[in-house]
Amino acid sequence: MAEITVELSRRDTQTIIYNLYPLYLHDLAGIRNVLPNRYGVFEDSDAFQTLQQQMPEFDIWWEKEECLFPFLIRVDEVPAGFALIATPPYVEDDSDFLVNEYFILQPFRGQGVAEEAITQIFNRFQGKWLIYTTPTERNSRTIHFWRKTLARYTNNRFTEEDKELRAEIGAAKVFNFTNK
């Protein structure tokens, strides 16, 4: 069986997440039905002409070590994805933890990598968790993943609802659970 590791990313592995992030945005574009800007960068405006210009926007994940946690996921030492975990004040509600972004590369999907990696992260932090995702038919695979994973992890003790979050997020499928 493959070795799945989850490590807190530091500055020396930051570029790996930067390299994976455009692939994540590409996946989201298919779910959210959005197009890249005129320069081919997945952003809401034409302010970013290159991926290099886009990346400093994410530096905050390595600057707020006490409340933002960028995790790099590897399979047999090969980069396989990332998880960006936030705590207050970067959480939507009264939760302790937010799965802000979660991504596994296509070659590692359907093999249990995503579930094992997020389970390692959940076990690392105890408290009330918030996960949200796009509540559309195009995102049914992700919604199914969260339902299945949370059912196993919590023994079916999680909540799921459709609700509006802040304006830039809009409608969301929201999952909550506590693992204290």
N, C-alpha and C. Protein backbone atom coordinates (compact mmCIF):
# COMPACT_ATOMS: atom_id res chain seq x y z
N MET A 1 0.84 -1.19 0.00
CA MET A 1 0.00 0.00 0.00
C MET A 1 0.88 1.25 0.00
N ALA A 2 0.40 2.27 -0.63
CA ALA A 2 1.13 3.53 -0.73
C ALA A 2 1.20 4.22 0.63
N GLU A 3 2.28 4.95 0.84
CA GLU A 3 2.43 5.73 2.06
C GLU A 3 1.87 7.14 1.80
N ILE A 4 0.83 7.49 2.57
CA ILE A 4 0.18 8.80 2.45
C ILE A 4 0.63 9.64 3.63
N THR A 5 1.30 10.76 3.34
CA THR A 5 1.77 11.64 4.40
C THR A 5 1.16 13.02 4.23
N VAL A 6 0.95 13.65 5.37
CA VAL A 6 0.43 15.01 5.42
C VAL A 6 1.41 15.82 6.25
N GLU A 7 2.00 16.83 5.64
CA GLU A 7 2.99 17.63 6.36
C GLU A 7 2.61 19.10 6.31
N LEU A 8 2.84 19.79 7.40
CA LEU A 8 2.62 21.22 7.41
C LEU A 8 3.66 21.85 6.49
N SER A 9 3.20 22.57 5.50
CA SER A 9 4.10 23.18 4.52
C SER A 9 4.79 24.39 5.13
N ARG A 10 6.07 24.44 4.94
CA ARG A 10 6.88 25.60 5.34
C ARG A 10 7.35 26.29 4.07
N ARG A 11 8.14 27.31 4.21
CA ARG A 11 8.60 28.07 3.04
C ARG A 11 9.34 27.19 2.03
N ASP A 12 10.02 26.14 2.51
CA ASP A 12 10.78 25.30 1.58
C ASP A 12 9.90 24.39 0.72
N THR A 13 8.63 24.20 1.09
CA THR A 13 7.71 23.40 0.26
C THR A 13 6.55 24.23 -0.28
N GLN A 14 6.58 25.50 -0.02
CA GLN A 14 5.53 26.42 -0.46
C GLN A 14 5.34 26.37 -1.98
N THR A 15 6.43 26.31 -2.72
CA THR A 15 6.33 26.32 -4.19
C THR A 15 5.59 25.09 -4.72
N ILE A 16 5.62 23.99 -3.99
CA ILE A 16 4.89 22.80 -4.44
C ILE A 16 3.39 23.09 -4.43
N ILE A 17 2.92 23.70 -3.37
CA ILE A 17 1.50 24.07 -3.32
C ILE A 17 1.19 25.10 -4.39
N TYR A 18 2.07 26.06 -4.58
CA TYR A 18 1.89 27.04 -5.66
C TYR A 18 1.76 26.35 -7.02
N ASN A 19 2.54 25.31 -7.25
CA ASN A 19 2.49 24.59 -8.52
C ASN A 19 1.17 23.82 -8.68
N LEU A 20 0.63 23.32 -7.57
CA LEU A 20 -0.61 22.55 -7.62
C LEU A 20 -1.85 23.44 -7.70
N TYR A 21 -1.76 24.65 -7.19
CA TYR A 21 -2.93 25.52 -7.06
C TYR A 21 -3.64 25.81 -8.39
N PRO A 22 -2.94 26.11 -9.48
CA PRO A 22 -3.65 26.33 -10.75
C PRO A 22 -4.43 25.10 -11.23
N LEU A 23 -3.96 23.91 -10.90
CA LEU A 23 -4.68 22.69 -11.26
C LEU A 23 -5.98 22.60 -10.46
N TYR A 24 -5.92 23.01 -9.21
CA TYR A 24 -7.11 23.08 -8.37
C TYR A 24 -8.12 24.07 -8.95
N LEU A 25 -7.64 25.25 -9.33
CA LEU A 25 -8.52 26.26 -9.91
C LEU A 25 -9.14 25.77 -11.22
N HIS A 26 -8.38 25.01 -11.99
CA HIS A 26 -8.90 24.42 -13.22
C HIS A 26 -10.04 23.46 -12.90
N ASP A 27 -9.87 22.62 -11.89
CA ASP A 27 -10.95 21.71 -11.48
C ASP A 27 -12.19 22.50 -11.04
N LEU A 28 -11.97 23.55 -10.25
CA LEU A 28 -13.09 24.37 -9.78
C LEU A 28 -13.82 25.04 -10.94
N ALA A 29 -13.08 25.44 -11.96
CA ALA A 29 -13.69 26.09 -13.12
C ALA A 29 -14.74 25.18 -13.77
N GLY A 30 -14.45 23.90 -13.83
CA GLY A 30 -15.41 22.96 -14.38
C GLY A 30 -16.65 22.80 -13.51
N ILE A 31 -16.47 22.90 -12.21
CA ILE A 31 -17.58 22.78 -11.26
C ILE A 31 -18.41 24.06 -11.24
N ARG A 32 -17.75 25.18 -11.23
CA ARG A 32 -18.43 26.48 -11.10
C ARG A 32 -18.75 27.14 -12.44
N ASN A 33 -18.34 26.49 -13.52
CA ASN A 33 -18.61 27.00 -14.87
C ASN A 33 -18.05 28.42 -15.06
N VAL A 34 -16.77 28.58 -14.75
CA VAL A 34 -16.11 29.88 -14.93
C VAL A 34 -14.97 29.73 -15.94
N LEU A 35 -14.61 30.83 -16.53
CA LEU A 35 -13.54 30.86 -17.53
C LEU A 35 -12.35 31.63 -16.97
N PRO A 36 -11.17 31.38 -17.50
CA PRO A 36 -10.02 32.18 -17.07
C PRO A 36 -10.14 33.61 -17.59
N ASN A 37 -9.33 34.49 -17.03
CA ASN A 37 -9.30 35.86 -17.54
C ASN A 37 -8.64 35.87 -18.91
N ARG A 38 -8.49 37.03 -19.50
CA ARG A 38 -7.96 37.10 -20.87
C ARG A 38 -6.51 36.66 -20.99
N TYR A 39 -5.81 36.48 -19.85
CA TYR A 39 -4.42 36.02 -19.85
C TYR A 39 -4.31 34.53 -19.57
N GLY A 40 -5.45 33.88 -19.37
CA GLY A 40 -5.43 32.44 -19.10
C GLY A 40 -5.25 32.09 -17.64
N VAL A 41 -5.43 33.06 -16.75
CA VAL A 41 -5.31 32.84 -15.30
C VAL A 41 -6.72 32.80 -14.72
N PHE A 42 -6.99 31.83 -13.87
CA PHE A 42 -8.31 31.75 -13.24
C PHE A 42 -8.40 32.77 -12.12
N GLU A 43 -8.86 33.94 -12.47
CA GLU A 43 -9.08 35.05 -11.55
C GLU A 43 -10.31 35.81 -12.02
N ASP A 44 -10.93 36.57 -11.11
CA ASP A 44 -12.14 37.32 -11.43
C ASP A 44 -11.88 38.55 -12.29
N SER A 45 -10.63 38.98 -12.35
CA SER A 45 -10.31 40.18 -13.13
C SER A 45 -9.07 39.93 -13.97
N ASP A 46 -8.72 40.92 -14.78
CA ASP A 46 -7.51 40.83 -15.59
C ASP A 46 -6.28 41.39 -14.88
N ALA A 47 -6.40 41.61 -13.58
CA ALA A 47 -5.29 42.17 -12.81
C ALA A 47 -4.06 41.25 -12.82
N PHE A 48 -4.29 39.95 -12.90
CA PHE A 48 -3.18 38.99 -12.90
C PHE A 48 -2.96 38.50 -14.33
N GLN A 49 -1.74 38.74 -14.84
CA GLN A 49 -1.40 38.30 -16.19
C GLN A 49 -0.63 36.99 -16.18
N THR A 50 -0.04 36.64 -15.04
CA THR A 50 0.74 35.40 -14.94
C THR A 50 0.43 34.70 -13.62
N LEU A 51 0.74 33.42 -13.58
CA LEU A 51 0.60 32.68 -12.33
C LEU A 51 1.55 33.23 -11.27
N GLN A 52 2.71 33.69 -11.68
CA GLN A 52 3.68 34.25 -10.74
C GLN A 52 3.11 35.47 -10.03
N GLN A 53 2.33 36.26 -10.74
CA GLN A 53 1.69 37.42 -10.11
C GLN A 53 0.59 36.99 -9.14
N GLN A 54 -0.05 35.88 -9.41
CA GLN A 54 -1.14 35.39 -8.59
C GLN A 54 -0.64 34.81 -7.25
N MET A 55 0.51 34.19 -7.26
CA MET A 55 0.97 33.44 -6.09
C MET A 55 1.17 34.27 -4.81
N PRO A 56 1.69 35.49 -4.88
CA PRO A 56 1.85 36.24 -3.63
C PRO A 56 0.55 36.45 -2.85
N GLU A 57 -0.59 36.34 -3.53
CA GLU A 57 -1.88 36.43 -2.85
C GLU A 57 -2.02 35.35 -1.79
N PHE A 58 -1.31 34.26 -1.96
CA PHE A 58 -1.42 33.12 -1.05
C PHE A 58 -0.33 33.09 0.02
N ASP A 59 0.56 34.07 0.01
CA ASP A 59 1.62 34.12 1.02
C ASP A 59 1.08 34.16 2.44
N ILE A 60 -0.14 34.68 2.62
CA ILE A 60 -0.72 34.76 3.95
C ILE A 60 -0.74 33.40 4.64
N TRP A 61 -0.85 32.32 3.87
CA TRP A 61 -0.89 30.98 4.45
C TRP A 61 0.42 30.61 5.16
N TRP A 62 1.52 31.27 4.80
CA TRP A 62 2.81 31.00 5.44
C TRP A 62 3.20 32.15 6.38
N GLU A 63 2.37 33.18 6.47
CA GLU A 63 2.66 34.32 7.34
C GLU A 63 1.87 34.31 8.64
N LYS A 64 0.81 33.53 8.70
CA LYS A 64 -0.07 33.47 9.87
C LYS A 64 -0.03 32.07 10.48
N GLU A 65 1.16 31.67 10.92
CA GLU A 65 1.39 30.30 11.38
C GLU A 65 0.54 29.90 12.58
N GLU A 66 0.03 30.87 13.32
CA GLU A 66 -0.76 30.56 14.50
C GLU A 66 -2.22 30.25 14.16
N CYS A 67 -2.67 30.60 12.94
CA CYS A 67 -4.09 30.39 12.63
C CYS A 67 -4.38 29.88 11.22
N LEU A 68 -3.38 29.82 10.34
CA LEU A 68 -3.57 29.28 9.00
C LEU A 68 -2.57 28.15 8.79
N PHE A 69 -3.07 27.02 8.30
CA PHE A 69 -2.25 25.81 8.22
C PHE A 69 -2.28 25.23 6.81
N PRO A 70 -1.23 25.47 6.02
CA PRO A 70 -1.16 24.89 4.69
C PRO A 70 -0.50 23.51 4.74
N PHE A 71 -1.24 22.48 4.37
CA PHE A 71 -0.71 21.13 4.41
C PHE A 71 -0.43 20.63 3.00
N LEU A 72 0.70 19.98 2.87
CA LEU A 72 1.08 19.31 1.63
C LEU A 72 0.82 17.82 1.81
N ILE A 73 0.15 17.23 0.85
CA ILE A 73 -0.18 15.81 0.88
C ILE A 73 0.70 15.10 -0.14
N ARG A 74 1.33 14.01 0.31
CA ARG A 74 2.20 13.23 -0.58
C ARG A 74 1.78 11.77 -0.56
N VAL A 75 2.01 11.11 -1.67
CA VAL A 75 1.84 9.67 -1.77
C VAL A 75 3.19 9.11 -2.22
N ASP A 76 3.77 8.28 -1.37
CA ASP A 76 5.11 7.74 -1.64
C ASP A 76 6.08 8.86 -2.02
N GLU A 77 6.01 9.96 -1.27
CA GLU A 77 6.88 11.14 -1.40
C GLU A 77 6.60 11.99 -2.64
N VAL A 78 5.61 11.63 -3.45
CA VAL A 78 5.24 12.42 -4.62
C VAL A 78 4.13 13.39 -4.22
N PRO A 79 4.24 14.67 -4.56
CA PRO A 79 3.16 15.61 -4.24
C PRO A 79 1.84 15.14 -4.86
N ALA A 80 0.80 15.04 -4.00
CA ALA A 80 -0.49 14.52 -4.45
C ALA A 80 -1.63 15.51 -4.23
N GLY A 81 -1.39 16.56 -3.44
CA GLY A 81 -2.45 17.52 -3.18
C GLY A 81 -2.10 18.42 -2.01
N PHE A 82 -3.11 19.17 -1.59
CA PHE A 82 -2.92 20.08 -0.45
C PHE A 82 -4.24 20.31 0.27
N ALA A 83 -4.12 20.78 1.49
CA ALA A 83 -5.27 21.20 2.29
C ALA A 83 -4.90 22.51 2.96
N LEU A 84 -5.78 23.48 2.86
CA LEU A 84 -5.58 24.77 3.53
C LEU A 84 -6.61 24.84 4.65
N ILE A 85 -6.14 24.79 5.88
CA ILE A 85 -7.01 24.75 7.06
C ILE A 85 -6.89 26.09 7.79
N ALA A 86 -8.04 26.70 8.06
CA ALA A 86 -8.07 28.00 8.73
C ALA A 86 -8.73 27.87 10.09
N THR A 87 -8.35 28.79 10.97
CA THR A 87 -8.98 28.93 12.28
C THR A 87 -9.41 30.39 12.43
N PRO A 88 -10.17 30.71 13.49
CA PRO A 88 -10.58 32.12 13.65
C PRO A 88 -9.37 33.03 13.65
N PRO A 89 -9.49 34.18 13.03
CA PRO A 89 -10.70 34.86 12.54
C PRO A 89 -11.03 34.54 11.09
N TYR A 90 -10.46 33.51 10.51
CA TYR A 90 -10.67 33.18 9.09
C TYR A 90 -11.72 32.08 8.89
N VAL A 91 -12.68 32.00 9.79
CA VAL A 91 -13.72 30.98 9.74
C VAL A 91 -15.08 31.67 9.62
N GLU A 92 -15.98 31.06 8.86
CA GLU A 92 -17.29 31.66 8.56
C GLU A 92 -18.23 31.78 9.76
N ASP A 93 -18.18 30.84 10.68
CA ASP A 93 -19.14 30.82 11.78
C ASP A 93 -18.39 30.65 13.10
N ASP A 94 -19.02 30.00 14.06
CA ASP A 94 -18.37 29.81 15.36
C ASP A 94 -17.51 28.55 15.41
N SER A 95 -17.16 28.02 14.25
CA SER A 95 -16.32 26.82 14.20
C SER A 95 -14.89 27.14 14.61
N ASP A 96 -14.20 26.10 15.03
CA ASP A 96 -12.78 26.21 15.38
C ASP A 96 -11.88 26.05 14.16
N PHE A 97 -12.35 25.25 13.18
CA PHE A 97 -11.54 24.92 12.02
C PHE A 97 -12.38 24.94 10.76
N LEU A 98 -11.76 25.37 9.67
CA LEU A 98 -12.40 25.43 8.36
C LEU A 98 -11.50 24.75 7.34
N VAL A 99 -12.07 23.82 6.58
CA VAL A 99 -11.36 23.28 5.43
C VAL A 99 -11.57 24.31 4.32
N ASN A 100 -10.62 25.22 4.19
CA ASN A 100 -10.75 26.34 3.25
C ASN A 100 -10.59 25.89 1.80
N GLU A 101 -9.60 25.05 1.55
CA GLU A 101 -9.35 24.50 0.22
C GLU A 101 -8.85 23.07 0.41
N TYR A 102 -9.29 22.17 -0.46
CA TYR A 102 -8.83 20.78 -0.38
C TYR A 102 -8.74 20.24 -1.81
N PHE A 103 -7.57 19.67 -2.15
CA PHE A 103 -7.34 19.24 -3.52
C PHE A 103 -6.44 18.02 -3.56
N ILE A 104 -6.87 17.06 -4.35
CA ILE A 104 -6.06 15.87 -4.63
C ILE A 104 -5.94 15.76 -6.15
N LEU A 105 -4.73 15.56 -6.65
CA LEU A 105 -4.49 15.43 -8.08
C LEU A 105 -5.25 14.23 -8.66
N GLN A 106 -5.66 14.34 -9.90
CA GLN A 106 -6.42 13.29 -10.59
C GLN A 106 -5.81 11.88 -10.46
N PRO A 107 -4.48 11.70 -10.66
CA PRO A 107 -3.95 10.33 -10.60
C PRO A 107 -4.10 9.65 -9.24
N PHE A 108 -4.39 10.43 -8.19
CA PHE A 108 -4.50 9.86 -6.84
C PHE A 108 -5.94 9.74 -6.36
N ARG A 109 -6.88 10.11 -7.19
CA ARG A 109 -8.29 10.05 -6.80
C ARG A 109 -8.83 8.62 -6.91
N GLY A 110 -9.81 8.33 -6.08
CA GLY A 110 -10.45 7.02 -6.11
C GLY A 110 -9.62 5.91 -5.49
N GLN A 111 -8.57 6.27 -4.75
CA GLN A 111 -7.68 5.29 -4.14
C GLN A 111 -7.65 5.39 -2.62
N GLY A 112 -8.50 6.25 -2.04
CA GLY A 112 -8.52 6.42 -0.59
C GLY A 112 -7.54 7.47 -0.09
N VAL A 113 -6.80 8.10 -0.99
CA VAL A 113 -5.81 9.11 -0.59
C VAL A 113 -6.49 10.31 0.07
N ALA A 114 -7.53 10.81 -0.55
CA ALA A 114 -8.21 12.01 -0.02
C ALA A 114 -8.77 11.74 1.37
N GLU A 115 -9.42 10.60 1.55
CA GLU A 115 -10.01 10.29 2.85
C GLU A 115 -8.93 10.09 3.92
N GLU A 116 -7.88 9.38 3.59
CA GLU A 116 -6.80 9.16 4.56
C GLU A 116 -6.13 10.47 4.94
N ALA A 117 -5.87 11.32 3.96
CA ALA A 117 -5.19 12.58 4.24
C ALA A 117 -6.04 13.49 5.11
N ILE A 118 -7.32 13.64 4.79
CA ILE A 118 -8.15 14.55 5.59
C ILE A 118 -8.39 13.96 6.98
N THR A 119 -8.43 12.65 7.09
CA THR A 119 -8.56 12.02 8.41
C THR A 119 -7.34 12.34 9.27
N GLN A 120 -6.15 12.30 8.68
CA GLN A 120 -4.95 12.67 9.42
C GLN A 120 -5.04 14.12 9.92
N ILE A 121 -5.57 14.99 9.07
CA ILE A 121 -5.71 16.40 9.46
C ILE A 121 -6.76 16.56 10.55
N PHE A 122 -7.93 15.92 10.39
CA PHE A 122 -8.96 16.00 11.43
C PHE A 122 -8.41 15.52 12.78
N ASN A 123 -7.65 14.44 12.76
CA ASN A 123 -7.10 13.89 14.00
C ASN A 123 -6.08 14.83 14.65
N ARG A 124 -5.51 15.69 13.88
CA ARG A 124 -4.50 16.63 14.37
C ARG A 124 -5.11 17.79 15.16
N PHE A 125 -6.34 18.14 14.82
CA PHE A 125 -7.02 19.29 15.43
C PHE A 125 -8.37 18.85 15.98
N GLN A 126 -8.59 19.09 17.25
CA GLN A 126 -9.85 18.73 17.88
C GLN A 126 -10.72 19.96 18.07
N GLY A 127 -11.99 19.85 17.68
CA GLY A 127 -12.91 20.97 17.84
C GLY A 127 -14.06 20.89 16.87
N LYS A 128 -14.71 22.04 16.65
CA LYS A 128 -15.84 22.13 15.73
C LYS A 128 -15.32 22.49 14.35
N TRP A 129 -15.68 21.69 13.35
CA TRP A 129 -15.21 21.84 11.98
C TRP A 129 -16.30 22.35 11.06
N LEU A 130 -15.89 23.13 10.06
CA LEU A 130 -16.75 23.62 9.00
C LEU A 130 -16.11 23.26 7.67
N ILE A 131 -16.93 22.70 6.78
CA ILE A 131 -16.50 22.41 5.42
C ILE A 131 -17.62 22.92 4.52
N TYR A 132 -17.27 23.63 3.47
CA TYR A 132 -18.31 24.00 2.52
C TYR A 132 -17.81 23.75 1.10
N THR A 133 -18.77 23.52 0.22
CA THR A 133 -18.45 23.25 -1.16
C THR A 133 -19.59 23.75 -2.04
N THR A 134 -19.37 23.76 -3.33
CA THR A 134 -20.37 24.21 -4.29
C THR A 134 -21.53 23.21 -4.33
N PRO A 135 -22.77 23.69 -4.15
CA PRO A 135 -23.92 22.77 -4.03
C PRO A 135 -24.61 22.45 -5.36
N THR A 136 -23.85 22.17 -6.40
CA THR A 136 -24.45 21.93 -7.71
C THR A 136 -24.26 20.49 -8.16
N GLU A 137 -25.02 20.11 -9.17
CA GLU A 137 -24.91 18.77 -9.74
C GLU A 137 -23.50 18.51 -10.28
N ARG A 138 -22.86 19.54 -10.81
CA ARG A 138 -21.50 19.40 -11.33
C ARG A 138 -20.50 19.02 -10.23
N ASN A 139 -20.90 19.23 -9.01
CA ASN A 139 -20.01 18.97 -7.87
C ASN A 139 -20.47 17.74 -7.08
N SER A 140 -21.26 16.90 -7.67
CA SER A 140 -21.82 15.76 -6.93
C SER A 140 -20.75 14.81 -6.41
N ARG A 141 -19.65 14.66 -7.14
CA ARG A 141 -18.57 13.77 -6.68
C ARG A 141 -17.95 14.27 -5.37
N THR A 142 -17.73 15.59 -5.30
CA THR A 142 -17.16 16.17 -4.08
C THR A 142 -18.14 16.06 -2.92
N ILE A 143 -19.40 16.36 -3.18
CA ILE A 143 -20.42 16.26 -2.12
C ILE A 143 -20.50 14.83 -1.61
N HIS A 144 -20.48 13.88 -2.52
CA HIS A 144 -20.50 12.46 -2.12
C HIS A 144 -19.26 12.12 -1.28
N PHE A 145 -18.10 12.63 -1.70
CA PHE A 145 -16.87 12.39 -0.94
C PHE A 145 -17.02 12.87 0.50
N TRP A 146 -17.50 14.12 0.68
CA TRP A 146 -17.62 14.65 2.03
C TRP A 146 -18.64 13.87 2.85
N ARG A 147 -19.76 13.52 2.27
CA ARG A 147 -20.77 12.73 3.00
C ARG A 147 -20.19 11.39 3.46
N LYS A 148 -19.55 10.69 2.54
CA LYS A 148 -18.98 9.37 2.84
C LYS A 148 -17.87 9.48 3.90
N THR A 149 -16.97 10.42 3.69
CA THR A 149 -15.83 10.57 4.59
C THR A 149 -16.29 10.99 5.99
N LEU A 150 -17.18 11.96 6.05
CA LEU A 150 -17.66 12.42 7.37
C LEU A 150 -18.51 11.36 8.05
N ALA A 151 -19.29 10.60 7.30
CA ALA A 151 -20.08 9.52 7.90
C ALA A 151 -19.15 8.50 8.57
N ARG A 152 -18.08 8.15 7.88
CA ARG A 152 -17.12 7.20 8.46
C ARG A 152 -16.38 7.80 9.65
N TYR A 153 -15.90 9.03 9.46
CA TYR A 153 -15.07 9.65 10.49
C TYR A 153 -15.87 9.94 11.76
N THR A 154 -17.11 10.38 11.61
CA THR A 154 -17.90 10.81 12.78
C THR A 154 -18.92 9.77 13.22
N ASN A 155 -18.96 8.63 12.56
CA ASN A 155 -20.00 7.64 12.82
C ASN A 155 -21.39 8.27 12.60
N ASN A 156 -21.52 8.98 11.50
CA ASN A 156 -22.76 9.66 11.08
C ASN A 156 -23.19 10.81 11.98
N ARG A 157 -22.26 11.38 12.73
CA ARG A 157 -22.60 12.52 13.59
C ARG A 157 -22.05 13.82 12.99
N PHE A 158 -22.67 14.21 11.89
CA PHE A 158 -22.33 15.48 11.24
C PHE A 158 -23.62 16.08 10.71
N THR A 159 -23.58 17.37 10.41
CA THR A 159 -24.75 18.02 9.81
C THR A 159 -24.40 18.47 8.41
N GLU A 160 -25.43 18.58 7.60
CA GLU A 160 -25.29 19.03 6.22
C GLU A 160 -26.47 19.94 5.91
N GLU A 161 -26.17 21.12 5.35
CA GLU A 161 -27.26 22.02 4.96
C GLU A 161 -26.81 22.89 3.80
N ASP A 162 -27.79 23.37 3.07
CA ASP A 162 -27.54 24.34 2.00
C ASP A 162 -27.81 25.71 2.59
N LYS A 163 -26.84 26.62 2.47
CA LYS A 163 -27.06 27.96 2.98
C LYS A 163 -26.17 28.97 2.29
N GLU A 164 -26.49 30.23 2.48
CA GLU A 164 -25.72 31.33 1.90
C GLU A 164 -24.59 31.69 2.86
N LEU A 165 -23.40 31.83 2.31
CA LEU A 165 -22.26 32.30 3.09
C LEU A 165 -21.97 33.73 2.64
N ARG A 166 -20.81 34.24 2.96
CA ARG A 166 -20.50 35.63 2.58
C ARG A 166 -20.65 35.82 1.06
N ALA A 167 -20.77 37.06 0.64
CA ALA A 167 -21.13 37.40 -0.74
C ALA A 167 -20.24 36.74 -1.79
N GLU A 168 -18.92 36.70 -1.58
CA GLU A 168 -18.04 36.13 -2.61
C GLU A 168 -18.13 34.61 -2.70
N ILE A 169 -18.76 33.97 -1.72
CA ILE A 169 -18.95 32.52 -1.76
C ILE A 169 -20.37 32.20 -2.24
N GLY A 170 -21.35 32.88 -1.68
CA GLY A 170 -22.74 32.65 -2.07
C GLY A 170 -23.29 31.35 -1.51
N ALA A 171 -24.12 30.70 -2.31
CA ALA A 171 -24.75 29.45 -1.88
C ALA A 171 -23.69 28.37 -1.70
N ALA A 172 -23.86 27.58 -0.64
CA ALA A 172 -22.89 26.53 -0.36
C ALA A 172 -23.57 25.33 0.27
N LYS A 173 -22.98 24.17 0.07
CA LYS A 173 -23.33 22.95 0.80
C LYS A 173 -22.38 22.96 1.99
N VAL A 174 -22.95 23.04 3.20
CA VAL A 174 -22.16 23.23 4.41
C VAL A 174 -22.24 21.97 5.29
N PHE A 175 -21.08 21.50 5.69
CA PHE A 175 -20.98 20.35 6.60
C PHE A 175 -20.35 20.83 7.90
N ASN A 176 -20.87 20.35 9.03
CA ASN A 176 -20.28 20.64 10.34
C ASN A 176 -20.19 19.34 11.13
N PHE A 177 -19.15 19.26 11.95
CA PHE A 177 -19.04 18.17 12.91
C PHE A 177 -18.08 18.61 14.00
N THR A 178 -18.12 17.89 15.11
CA THR A 178 -17.21 18.15 16.22
C THR A 178 -16.49 16.85 16.54
N ASN A 179 -15.19 16.94 16.73
CA ASN A 179 -14.41 15.75 17.07
C ASN A 179 -13.69 15.90 18.40
N LYS A 180 -14.28 16.63 19.32
CA LYS A 180 -13.67 16.80 20.66
C LYS A 180 -13.81 15.54 21.47
